[in-house]
Protein backbone atom coordinates (compact mmCIF):
# COMPACT_ATOMS: atom_id res chain seq x y z
CA MET A 1 -7.45 -11.38 3.55
CA ASN A 2 -5.55 -7.77 3.51
CA LYS A 3 -7.20 -4.44 4.07
CA CYS A 4 -5.78 -1.04 3.84
CA PHE A 5 -7.41 2.08 5.53
CA LYS A 6 -6.68 5.49 5.97
CA ASP A 7 -7.22 8.22 8.17
CA ILE A 8 -8.32 5.86 10.98
CA GLN A 9 -7.43 7.09 14.71
CA THR A 10 -8.85 4.22 16.53
CA LEU A 11 -10.04 0.83 16.42
CA ASP A 12 -13.62 1.44 17.17
CA TYR A 13 -14.86 1.77 13.37
CA PHE A 14 -14.17 -2.03 12.58
CA VAL A 15 -16.45 -4.64 13.06
CA ASP A 16 -15.20 -7.77 14.50
CA LEU A 17 -13.34 -9.74 11.76
CA PRO A 18 -11.65 -12.78 13.32
CA GLU A 19 -10.94 -14.29 10.27
CA LEU A 20 -8.57 -11.49 9.23
CA GLU A 21 -4.49 -12.28 9.13
CA ASP A 22 -3.23 -9.53 7.52
CA LEU A 23 -3.79 -5.73 8.55
CA SER A 24 -2.34 -2.10 6.98
CA LEU A 25 -3.11 0.65 9.05
CA GLN A 26 0.07 2.50 8.20
CA SER A 27 0.20 6.37 7.79
CA ASN A 28 -2.80 7.37 9.72
CA GLY A 29 -3.40 9.02 13.10
CA ILE A 30 -3.87 5.82 14.93
CA ILE A 31 -3.16 6.37 18.57
CA SER A 32 -4.81 3.51 20.39
CA LEU A 33 -4.82 -0.30 19.49
CA PHE A 34 -7.34 -0.89 22.48
CA GLY A 35 -9.59 -3.75 21.17
CA ILE A 36 -7.30 -5.37 18.66
CA GLU A 37 -7.23 -8.68 20.08
CA GLU A 38 -11.33 -8.93 20.11
CA LYS A 39 -11.52 -7.41 16.73
CA PHE A 40 -8.61 -9.36 14.76
CA PRO A 41 -7.46 -12.50 17.01
CA ASN A 42 -6.36 -14.18 14.52
CA LEU A 43 -3.84 -11.57 12.97
CA THR A 44 -0.33 -12.88 11.44
CA VAL A 45 1.01 -9.71 10.32
CA LEU A 46 0.17 -5.68 11.57
CA ASP A 47 1.42 -2.51 9.78
CA VAL A 48 0.86 0.20 12.17
CA SER A 49 4.11 2.26 11.08
CA HIS A 50 3.97 6.10 10.54
CA ASN A 51 0.95 6.71 13.04
CA ARG A 52 0.93 8.50 16.52
CA ILE A 53 1.10 5.23 18.80
CA PHE A 54 2.84 6.71 21.96
CA SER A 55 1.74 4.41 24.92
CA VAL A 56 3.71 1.14 26.01
CA GLU A 57 0.25 -0.27 26.86
CA ASN A 58 -0.92 -0.55 23.40
CA VAL A 59 2.31 -2.30 22.11
CA GLU A 60 1.54 -4.83 25.34
CA LEU A 61 -1.77 -5.51 24.01
CA LEU A 62 -0.26 -7.31 21.25
CA ARG A 63 1.14 -9.89 23.47
CA GLU A 64 -3.08 -10.99 22.98
CA LEU A 65 -2.75 -11.68 19.82
CA PRO A 66 -1.12 -15.77 19.59
CA ASN A 67 -0.40 -15.72 15.95
CA LEU A 68 1.29 -12.26 15.43
CA ALA A 69 4.34 -12.98 13.28
CA GLU A 70 5.02 -9.77 12.16
CA ILE A 71 4.79 -6.18 13.59
CA PHE A 72 5.62 -2.86 11.97
CA ILE A 73 5.63 -0.26 14.39
CA ASN A 74 8.33 1.93 13.06
CA ASP A 75 7.81 5.88 12.88
CA ASN A 76 5.54 6.39 16.02
CA PRO A 77 6.48 8.48 18.94
CA ILE A 78 7.08 5.17 21.18
CA CYS A 79 9.67 4.26 18.84
CA ILE A 80 11.62 7.05 20.43
CA HIS A 81 10.90 6.08 24.58
CA LEU A 82 11.75 2.35 23.13
CA GLU A 83 15.48 3.29 22.22
C-alpha cells in the first residue's frame, strides 16, 4: 500500500495503519513524527524529505520501527544540524 499526502504537519490526522509499509509525506510542513511507531509499526520505506523536521528526537523515534529499511529525510532543517 502506497499513499502520498500533501499539506500535513503532524501525524495526528492519521488512523492506525499497521499494514502500511511504504509512506510518502514529502514536501509538506511536517514538523513532528511523534506517534509514528504506533500508527505505522510495519513501515519499511518512509519519505519525509522537504519538510520542516528540525528536532533530533523526531529522527530517534524511527528506531522504534524495526522493519524500516529506507528513509528519505533530506531538505529538512535537521539536516543542517547533522552535518
